[in-house]
C-alpha cells in the first residue's frame, strides 16, 4: 500500500510543472516521505499551495475583465468549476470512510491535479489576445 501511495505522490508532484512551463506554484516532492501521516500532510500542503496560486491567477483575470457582466460570468464559471472539481475527486477517490489512511493523500492529490489544470487555463485566458481568446 505504501508503494502505491509513494508512486501516486511522485506522479502527482509532477503535476505542478511541465518541462516547457515554469512551476505553477511551490510544491514539495512528497516521495521523500515514508509515513502516511507525512504523505497526507505533504499532499494537503501542496493542495493549499495550488489553491493559493489559483486564487491569485483568478483575481488577476477578474481584474482584467472590462465589464461587470464579464466579471459575473467568470465568477459563475469559477464556482461551477469548483463544484465540478470537488465532485470529480469525490467520484475518483470515493468516500473518506472507505478510503483508509491513504484517503487524504489521494483526495488532495486529485484536487491538486485538477487545480493545476485550471491554473493553466486561467493563465492562458490572461495572456491571450482578443483574436486568440474566446469571447467573454
N, C-alpha and C. Protein backbone atom coordinates (compact mmCIF):
# COMPACT_ATOMS: atom_id res chain seq x y z
N UNK A 1 0.82 -1.19 0.00
CA UNK A 1 0.00 0.00 0.00
C UNK A 1 0.87 1.26 0.00
N UNK A 2 1.96 1.25 0.80
CA UNK A 2 2.85 2.41 0.83
C UNK A 2 3.51 2.63 -0.52
N UNK A 3 3.82 1.55 -1.22
CA UNK A 3 4.44 1.68 -2.53
C UNK A 3 3.49 2.36 -3.50
N UNK A 4 2.23 1.99 -3.45
CA UNK A 4 1.22 2.61 -4.32
C UNK A 4 1.10 4.10 -3.98
N UNK A 5 1.05 4.42 -2.71
CA UNK A 5 0.93 5.82 -2.29
C UNK A 5 2.15 6.61 -2.72
N UNK A 6 3.31 6.01 -2.56
CA UNK A 6 4.54 6.69 -2.94
C UNK A 6 4.57 6.94 -4.44
N UNK A 7 4.20 5.96 -5.22
CA UNK A 7 4.17 6.12 -6.68
C UNK A 7 3.16 7.19 -7.08
N UNK A 8 2.01 7.18 -6.43
CA UNK A 8 0.98 8.18 -6.74
C UNK A 8 1.48 9.58 -6.41
N UNK A 9 2.14 9.73 -5.28
CA UNK A 9 2.61 11.06 -4.89
C UNK A 9 3.74 11.54 -5.80
N UNK A 10 4.60 10.63 -6.23
CA UNK A 10 5.66 11.04 -7.16
C UNK A 10 5.06 11.52 -8.48
N UNK A 11 4.05 10.81 -8.94
CA UNK A 11 3.38 11.21 -10.16
C UNK A 11 2.68 12.54 -9.97
N UNK A 12 2.00 12.72 -8.86
CA UNK A 12 1.27 13.95 -8.61
C UNK A 12 2.19 15.13 -8.40
N UNK A 13 3.39 14.89 -7.87
CA UNK A 13 4.32 16.00 -7.67
C UNK A 13 4.77 16.58 -9.00
N UNK A 14 4.63 15.82 -10.08
CA UNK A 14 4.99 16.31 -11.39
C UNK A 14 3.88 17.15 -12.01
N UNK A 15 2.70 17.11 -11.42
CA UNK A 15 1.57 17.84 -11.96
C UNK A 15 1.82 19.34 -11.92
N UNK A 16 2.52 19.81 -10.91
CA UNK A 16 2.74 21.25 -10.74
C UNK A 16 3.59 21.87 -11.81
N UNK A 17 4.35 21.10 -12.58
CA UNK A 17 5.20 21.68 -13.61
C UNK A 17 5.38 20.72 -14.76
N UNK A 18 5.48 21.28 -15.94
CA UNK A 18 5.84 20.52 -17.12
C UNK A 18 7.19 21.05 -17.59
N UNK A 19 7.87 20.30 -18.41
CA UNK A 19 9.20 20.70 -18.86
C UNK A 19 9.18 22.06 -19.53
N UNK A 20 8.12 22.37 -20.29
CA UNK A 20 8.08 23.63 -21.02
C UNK A 20 7.51 24.78 -20.18
N UNK A 21 7.06 24.52 -18.99
CA UNK A 21 6.45 25.54 -18.15
C UNK A 21 7.30 25.78 -16.90
N UNK A 22 7.22 27.00 -16.42
CA UNK A 22 7.76 27.28 -15.09
C UNK A 22 6.82 26.63 -14.09
N UNK A 23 7.31 26.34 -12.88
CA UNK A 23 6.40 25.78 -11.87
C UNK A 23 5.19 26.69 -11.67
N UNK A 24 4.04 26.08 -11.54
CA UNK A 24 2.81 26.83 -11.35
C UNK A 24 2.68 27.37 -9.93
N UNK A 25 3.29 26.66 -9.00
CA UNK A 25 3.21 27.01 -7.58
C UNK A 25 4.27 26.20 -6.85
N UNK A 26 4.66 26.66 -5.66
CA UNK A 26 5.63 25.87 -4.89
C UNK A 26 5.01 24.55 -4.45
N UNK A 27 5.71 23.46 -4.70
CA UNK A 27 5.22 22.14 -4.31
C UNK A 27 6.39 21.32 -3.78
N UNK A 28 6.09 20.51 -2.80
CA UNK A 28 7.08 19.63 -2.19
C UNK A 28 7.02 18.27 -2.86
N UNK A 29 8.17 17.65 -3.04
CA UNK A 29 8.22 16.27 -3.54
C UNK A 29 7.83 15.35 -2.39
N UNK A 30 6.62 14.87 -2.41
CA UNK A 30 6.12 14.04 -1.32
C UNK A 30 6.74 12.65 -1.32
N UNK A 31 7.41 12.28 -2.38
CA UNK A 31 8.03 10.98 -2.47
C UNK A 31 9.14 10.75 -1.46
N UNK A 32 9.60 11.81 -0.84
CA UNK A 32 10.68 11.66 0.14
C UNK A 32 10.15 11.23 1.52
N UNK A 33 8.85 11.23 1.69
CA UNK A 33 8.27 10.86 2.97
C UNK A 33 7.94 9.38 3.02
N UNK A 34 7.98 8.81 4.22
CA UNK A 34 7.75 7.37 4.34
C UNK A 34 6.54 7.01 5.20
N UNK A 35 6.06 7.93 6.01
CA UNK A 35 4.89 7.61 6.83
C UNK A 35 3.64 8.19 6.19
N UNK A 36 2.51 7.53 6.40
CA UNK A 36 1.27 8.00 5.81
C UNK A 36 0.90 9.38 6.34
N UNK A 37 1.17 9.64 7.60
CA UNK A 37 0.86 10.95 8.17
C UNK A 37 1.65 12.04 7.43
N UNK A 38 2.93 11.80 7.16
CA UNK A 38 3.74 12.78 6.45
C UNK A 38 3.30 12.92 4.99
N UNK A 39 2.95 11.81 4.36
CA UNK A 39 2.45 11.86 2.99
C UNK A 39 1.15 12.67 2.92
N UNK A 40 0.26 12.43 3.87
CA UNK A 40 -1.00 13.17 3.91
C UNK A 40 -0.76 14.66 4.07
N UNK A 41 0.11 15.02 5.01
CA UNK A 41 0.41 16.44 5.26
C UNK A 41 1.03 17.08 4.02
N UNK A 42 1.96 16.40 3.41
CA UNK A 42 2.60 16.92 2.21
C UNK A 42 1.59 17.15 1.10
N UNK A 43 0.72 16.19 0.86
CA UNK A 43 -0.30 16.31 -0.19
C UNK A 43 -1.25 17.47 0.09
N UNK A 44 -1.66 17.61 1.34
CA UNK A 44 -2.56 18.71 1.71
C UNK A 44 -1.84 20.05 1.57
N UNK A 45 -0.57 20.11 1.97
CA UNK A 45 0.21 21.36 1.82
C UNK A 45 0.35 21.74 0.35
N UNK A 46 0.59 20.76 -0.51
CA UNK A 46 0.69 21.04 -1.95
C UNK A 46 -0.64 21.52 -2.51
N UNK A 47 -1.74 20.95 -2.03
CA UNK A 47 -3.06 21.40 -2.45
C UNK A 47 -3.29 22.85 -2.01
N UNK A 48 -2.91 23.18 -0.80
CA UNK A 48 -3.05 24.56 -0.32
C UNK A 48 -2.24 25.52 -1.18
N UNK A 49 -1.05 25.12 -1.57
CA UNK A 49 -0.21 25.94 -2.43
C UNK A 49 -0.86 26.13 -3.80
N UNK A 50 -1.42 25.07 -4.34
CA UNK A 50 -2.12 25.15 -5.63
C UNK A 50 -3.35 26.06 -5.52
N UNK A 51 -4.10 25.92 -4.43
CA UNK A 51 -5.28 26.77 -4.23
C UNK A 51 -4.89 28.24 -4.12
N UNK A 52 -3.80 28.51 -3.44
CA UNK A 52 -3.33 29.90 -3.32
C UNK A 52 -2.97 30.47 -4.69
N UNK A 53 -2.25 29.68 -5.50
CA UNK A 53 -1.89 30.12 -6.85
C UNK A 53 -3.14 30.31 -7.70
N UNK A 54 -4.12 29.41 -7.56
CA UNK A 54 -5.37 29.54 -8.30
C UNK A 54 -6.08 30.83 -7.94
N UNK A 55 -6.16 31.13 -6.66
CA UNK A 55 -6.82 32.36 -6.23
C UNK A 55 -6.12 33.60 -6.78
N UNK A 56 -4.80 33.58 -6.81
CA UNK A 56 -4.04 34.71 -7.34
C UNK A 56 -4.32 34.91 -8.82
N UNK A 57 -4.27 33.84 -9.59
CA UNK A 57 -4.49 33.95 -11.03
C UNK A 57 -5.95 34.31 -11.33
N UNK A 58 -6.87 33.79 -10.54
CA UNK A 58 -8.28 34.14 -10.72
C UNK A 58 -8.49 35.64 -10.48
N UNK A 59 -7.90 36.17 -9.42
CA UNK A 59 -8.04 37.61 -9.13
C UNK A 59 -7.46 38.45 -10.25
N UNK A 60 -6.33 38.02 -10.80
CA UNK A 60 -5.71 38.77 -11.90
C UNK A 60 -6.62 38.74 -13.14
N UNK A 61 -7.21 37.60 -13.42
CA UNK A 61 -8.11 37.51 -14.57
C UNK A 61 -9.38 38.33 -14.32
N UNK A 62 -9.90 38.30 -13.12
CA UNK A 62 -11.09 39.09 -12.80
C UNK A 62 -10.81 40.58 -12.98
N UNK A 63 -9.62 41.02 -12.57
CA UNK A 63 -9.25 42.43 -12.70
C UNK A 63 -9.12 42.84 -14.17
N UNK A 64 -8.83 41.89 -15.03
CA UNK A 64 -8.65 42.17 -16.46
C UNK A 64 -9.98 42.29 -17.20
N UNK A 65 -11.06 41.85 -16.61
CA UNK A 65 -12.36 41.89 -17.28
C UNK A 65 -12.81 43.33 -17.46
N UNK A 66 -13.40 43.62 -18.61
CA UNK A 66 -13.75 45.00 -18.93
C UNK A 66 -15.19 45.38 -18.62
N UNK A 67 -15.95 44.45 -18.05
CA UNK A 67 -17.33 44.79 -17.71
C UNK A 67 -17.77 43.99 -16.49
N UNK A 68 -18.77 44.52 -15.82
CA UNK A 68 -19.33 43.81 -14.67
C UNK A 68 -19.94 42.48 -15.11
N UNK A 69 -20.55 42.47 -16.28
CA UNK A 69 -21.16 41.24 -16.78
C UNK A 69 -20.10 40.17 -17.03
N UNK A 70 -18.97 40.56 -17.56
CA UNK A 70 -17.88 39.62 -17.81
C UNK A 70 -17.33 39.08 -16.50
N UNK A 71 -17.18 39.95 -15.50
CA UNK A 71 -16.72 39.51 -14.18
C UNK A 71 -17.71 38.53 -13.56
N UNK A 72 -19.00 38.79 -13.75
CA UNK A 72 -20.04 37.90 -13.21
C UNK A 72 -19.99 36.54 -13.88
N UNK A 73 -19.76 36.51 -15.19
CA UNK A 73 -19.65 35.23 -15.91
C UNK A 73 -18.44 34.45 -15.44
N UNK A 74 -17.33 35.14 -15.23
CA UNK A 74 -16.12 34.49 -14.72
C UNK A 74 -16.38 33.91 -13.33
N UNK A 75 -17.02 34.69 -12.48
CA UNK A 75 -17.33 34.23 -11.12
C UNK A 75 -18.23 32.99 -11.15
N UNK A 76 -19.25 33.02 -11.99
CA UNK A 76 -20.16 31.87 -12.10
C UNK A 76 -19.42 30.65 -12.64
N UNK A 77 -18.55 30.88 -13.62
CA UNK A 77 -17.78 29.77 -14.19
C UNK A 77 -16.84 29.17 -13.14
N UNK A 78 -16.21 30.02 -12.35
CA UNK A 78 -15.29 29.53 -11.34
C UNK A 78 -16.03 28.75 -10.25
N UNK A 79 -17.17 29.23 -9.85
CA UNK A 79 -17.97 28.50 -8.85
C UNK A 79 -18.40 27.14 -9.39
N UNK A 80 -18.81 27.10 -10.64
CA UNK A 80 -19.19 25.83 -11.26
C UNK A 80 -17.98 24.90 -11.36
N UNK A 81 -16.83 25.47 -11.70
CA UNK A 81 -15.61 24.66 -11.80
C UNK A 81 -15.24 24.05 -10.45
N UNK A 82 -15.34 24.84 -9.37
CA UNK A 82 -15.03 24.33 -8.03
C UNK A 82 -15.95 23.17 -7.68
N UNK A 83 -17.22 23.31 -7.97
CA UNK A 83 -18.18 22.23 -7.71
C UNK A 83 -17.81 21.00 -8.54
N UNK A 84 -17.46 21.21 -9.81
CA UNK A 84 -17.04 20.09 -10.65
C UNK A 84 -15.80 19.40 -10.07
N UNK A 85 -14.78 20.19 -9.72
CA UNK A 85 -13.53 19.63 -9.19
C UNK A 85 -13.81 18.77 -7.96
N UNK A 86 -14.56 19.30 -7.04
CA UNK A 86 -14.84 18.58 -5.80
C UNK A 86 -15.64 17.29 -6.07
N UNK A 87 -16.61 17.36 -6.96
CA UNK A 87 -17.41 16.18 -7.27
C UNK A 87 -16.61 15.16 -8.07
N UNK A 88 -15.77 15.64 -8.97
CA UNK A 88 -14.94 14.73 -9.77
C UNK A 88 -14.01 13.93 -8.86
N UNK A 89 -13.39 14.60 -7.89
CA UNK A 89 -12.49 13.88 -6.97
C UNK A 89 -13.27 12.98 -6.03
N UNK A 90 -14.46 13.39 -5.64
CA UNK A 90 -15.29 12.51 -4.80
C UNK A 90 -15.62 11.24 -5.57
N UNK A 91 -15.85 11.36 -6.88
CA UNK A 91 -16.10 10.20 -7.71
C UNK A 91 -14.84 9.35 -7.87
N UNK A 92 -13.73 9.99 -8.20
CA UNK A 92 -12.49 9.26 -8.46
C UNK A 92 -11.94 8.58 -7.21
N UNK A 93 -11.95 9.29 -6.09
CA UNK A 93 -11.31 8.80 -4.87
C UNK A 93 -12.27 8.01 -4.00
N UNK A 94 -13.53 8.38 -4.03
CA UNK A 94 -14.51 7.70 -3.20
C UNK A 94 -14.62 8.36 -1.83
N UNK A 95 -15.53 7.85 -1.01
CA UNK A 95 -15.77 8.47 0.30
C UNK A 95 -14.62 8.20 1.27
N UNK A 96 -14.43 9.13 2.17
CA UNK A 96 -13.34 9.02 3.15
C UNK A 96 -13.49 7.77 4.01
N UNK A 97 -14.70 7.46 4.41
CA UNK A 97 -14.88 6.31 5.30
C UNK A 97 -14.46 5.00 4.65
N UNK A 98 -14.42 4.94 3.33
CA UNK A 98 -13.99 3.73 2.65
C UNK A 98 -12.55 3.78 2.18
N UNK A 99 -11.87 4.89 2.42
CA UNK A 99 -10.55 5.09 1.84
C UNK A 99 -9.37 4.78 2.73
N UNK A 100 -9.60 4.61 3.99
CA UNK A 100 -8.50 4.32 4.90
C UNK A 100 -7.58 5.51 5.10
N UNK A 101 -6.39 5.23 5.61
CA UNK A 101 -5.47 6.31 5.97
C UNK A 101 -4.85 6.99 4.75
N UNK A 102 -4.90 6.35 3.60
CA UNK A 102 -4.34 6.96 2.39
C UNK A 102 -5.32 7.93 1.73
N UNK A 103 -6.56 7.93 2.15
CA UNK A 103 -7.59 8.77 1.53
C UNK A 103 -7.18 10.24 1.46
N UNK A 104 -6.66 10.86 2.53
CA UNK A 104 -6.30 12.28 2.41
C UNK A 104 -5.25 12.53 1.32
N UNK A 105 -4.30 11.64 1.18
CA UNK A 105 -3.27 11.79 0.15
C UNK A 105 -3.90 11.68 -1.24
N UNK A 106 -4.74 10.70 -1.44
CA UNK A 106 -5.38 10.51 -2.74
C UNK A 106 -6.31 11.67 -3.08
N UNK A 107 -7.11 12.10 -2.12
CA UNK A 107 -8.05 13.18 -2.36
C UNK A 107 -7.33 14.48 -2.65
N UNK A 108 -6.35 14.83 -1.82
CA UNK A 108 -5.60 16.07 -2.04
C UNK A 108 -4.86 16.01 -3.37
N UNK A 109 -4.32 14.85 -3.72
CA UNK A 109 -3.63 14.72 -5.00
C UNK A 109 -4.56 14.92 -6.18
N UNK A 110 -5.75 14.38 -6.10
CA UNK A 110 -6.75 14.57 -7.14
C UNK A 110 -7.12 16.04 -7.27
N UNK A 111 -7.43 16.67 -6.15
CA UNK A 111 -7.81 18.08 -6.16
C UNK A 111 -6.67 18.95 -6.70
N UNK A 112 -5.44 18.63 -6.29
CA UNK A 112 -4.28 19.40 -6.76
C UNK A 112 -4.11 19.26 -8.27
N UNK A 113 -4.24 18.05 -8.77
CA UNK A 113 -4.07 17.84 -10.21
C UNK A 113 -5.07 18.61 -11.05
N UNK A 114 -6.31 18.57 -10.67
CA UNK A 114 -7.35 19.30 -11.40
C UNK A 114 -7.16 20.80 -11.23
N UNK A 115 -6.71 21.23 -10.05
CA UNK A 115 -6.45 22.65 -9.82
C UNK A 115 -5.30 23.14 -10.69
N UNK A 116 -4.26 22.34 -10.85
CA UNK A 116 -3.13 22.72 -11.71
C UNK A 116 -3.60 22.94 -13.15
N UNK A 117 -4.50 22.09 -13.60
CA UNK A 117 -5.05 22.26 -14.95
C UNK A 117 -5.82 23.57 -15.05
N UNK A 118 -6.59 23.89 -14.04
CA UNK A 118 -7.36 25.14 -14.05
C UNK A 118 -6.44 26.36 -14.00
N UNK A 119 -5.36 26.27 -13.26
CA UNK A 119 -4.40 27.37 -13.23
C UNK A 119 -3.88 27.63 -14.63
N UNK A 120 -3.52 26.58 -15.34
CA UNK A 120 -3.03 26.73 -16.72
C UNK A 120 -4.10 27.38 -17.61
N UNK A 121 -5.35 26.97 -17.44
CA UNK A 121 -6.43 27.53 -18.24
C UNK A 121 -6.60 29.02 -17.97
N UNK A 122 -6.58 29.40 -16.71
CA UNK A 122 -6.76 30.81 -16.37
C UNK A 122 -5.56 31.64 -16.81
N UNK A 123 -4.36 31.08 -16.70
CA UNK A 123 -3.16 31.79 -17.19
C UNK A 123 -3.27 32.04 -18.68
N UNK A 124 -3.74 31.04 -19.40
CA UNK A 124 -3.91 31.20 -20.84
C UNK A 124 -4.93 32.29 -21.13
N UNK A 125 -6.00 32.34 -20.37
CA UNK A 125 -7.03 33.37 -20.57
C UNK A 125 -6.48 34.76 -20.31
N UNK A 126 -5.54 34.89 -19.40
CA UNK A 126 -4.94 36.20 -19.11
C UNK A 126 -4.02 36.64 -20.24
N UNK A 127 -3.28 35.71 -20.81
CA UNK A 127 -2.25 36.08 -21.77
C UNK A 127 -2.71 36.07 -23.22
N UNK A 128 -3.90 35.60 -23.50
CA UNK A 128 -4.33 35.56 -24.90
C UNK A 128 -4.71 36.95 -25.39
N UNK A 129 -4.69 37.09 -26.68
CA UNK A 129 -5.07 38.37 -27.31
C UNK A 129 -6.54 38.28 -27.71
N UNK A 130 -7.16 39.41 -28.03
CA UNK A 130 -8.58 39.36 -28.42
C UNK A 130 -8.84 38.41 -29.59
N UNK A 131 -7.90 38.26 -30.51
CA UNK A 131 -8.11 37.37 -31.64
C UNK A 131 -7.92 35.91 -31.29
N UNK A 132 -7.15 35.63 -30.21
CA UNK A 132 -6.90 34.24 -29.87
C UNK A 132 -7.73 33.75 -28.70
N UNK A 133 -8.50 34.62 -28.09
CA UNK A 133 -9.34 34.25 -26.94
C UNK A 133 -10.78 34.06 -27.36
N UNK A 134 -11.44 33.12 -26.73
CA UNK A 134 -12.89 33.07 -26.95
C UNK A 134 -13.54 34.31 -26.32
N UNK A 135 -14.63 34.72 -26.84
CA UNK A 135 -15.32 35.90 -26.31
C UNK A 135 -15.77 35.65 -24.89
N UNK A 136 -15.65 36.64 -24.05
CA UNK A 136 -16.11 36.55 -22.67
C UNK A 136 -17.33 37.38 -22.54
